Protein backbone atom coordinates (compact mmCIF):
# COMPACT_ATOMS: atom_id res chain seq x y z
CA MET A 1 106.51 114.10 97.68
CA ARG A 2 103.39 112.18 96.73
CA LYS A 3 99.98 113.07 98.12
CA ARG A 4 98.09 110.45 100.05
CA GLY A 5 94.82 109.13 98.73
CA ARG A 6 93.99 107.16 95.63
CA PRO A 7 96.86 105.60 93.71
CA ARG A 8 97.90 107.33 90.49
CA LYS A 9 96.43 104.61 88.29
CA TYR A 10 92.91 105.88 89.00
CA GLN A 11 91.77 108.57 86.60
CA GLU A 12 89.85 111.34 88.37
CA HIS A 13 88.50 112.94 85.18
CA ILE A 14 87.13 109.68 83.71
CA ARG A 15 83.54 108.78 84.61
CA CYS A 16 81.85 105.45 84.04
CA PRO A 17 78.97 105.76 81.55
CA GLU A 18 77.03 103.04 83.41
CA CYS A 19 77.09 104.17 87.04
CA GLY A 20 78.73 107.63 86.88
CA SER A 21 81.54 106.67 89.26
CA ASN A 22 84.98 108.26 88.85
CA TRP A 23 86.66 105.23 90.45
CA CYS A 24 88.03 103.99 87.11
CA LYS A 25 91.46 102.79 86.06
CA LYS A 26 93.27 102.18 82.79
CA PHE A 27 92.69 98.67 81.50
CA GLY A 28 94.91 98.27 78.43
CA LYS A 29 94.47 99.37 74.83
CA ASN A 30 92.56 97.98 71.87
CA THR A 31 93.24 99.19 68.31
CA GLY A 32 95.19 102.10 69.78
CA LYS A 33 92.34 103.32 72.00
CA GLN A 34 92.72 103.45 75.78
CA ARG A 35 90.32 101.19 77.66
CA TYR A 36 89.12 101.84 81.20
CA LYS A 37 87.49 99.64 83.81
CA CYS A 38 85.09 100.90 86.46
CA ASN A 39 85.91 99.44 89.87
CA ASN A 40 82.41 100.23 91.08
CA CYS A 41 80.31 98.29 88.53
CA GLY A 42 83.01 96.44 86.53
CA ARG A 43 82.10 97.91 83.14
CA LEU A 44 84.80 98.24 80.46
CA PHE A 45 84.59 101.35 78.28
CA TYR A 46 86.54 103.77 76.09
CA GLN A 47 86.97 107.44 76.91
CA GLY A 48 84.83 109.66 74.71
CA ALA A 49 82.96 106.78 73.06
CA LYS A 50 79.23 107.20 72.61
CA TYR A 51 77.39 104.98 75.00
CA HIS A 52 74.00 103.48 74.27
CA LYS A 53 72.44 101.75 77.22
CA HIS A 54 70.52 98.67 76.19
CA PRO A 55 66.91 98.60 77.34
CA GLU A 56 66.14 96.12 80.07
CA LYS A 57 64.44 92.92 78.99
CA MET A 58 60.69 92.96 79.35
CA LYS A 59 59.00 90.18 81.27
CA LEU A 60 56.11 88.63 79.40
């Protein structure tokens, strides 16, 4: 019997590097690496990949 709650496609142990949400789902593969998509902010990312946040643009 299946528990109620989030569907199985959501990965509880995966966190978005942008917003920190764990509301992420698998989003295909690229060169053999699993891609994920955050449903909170829409960011695509790979599990375990180093993430470098780009600095915000400065207004002159």
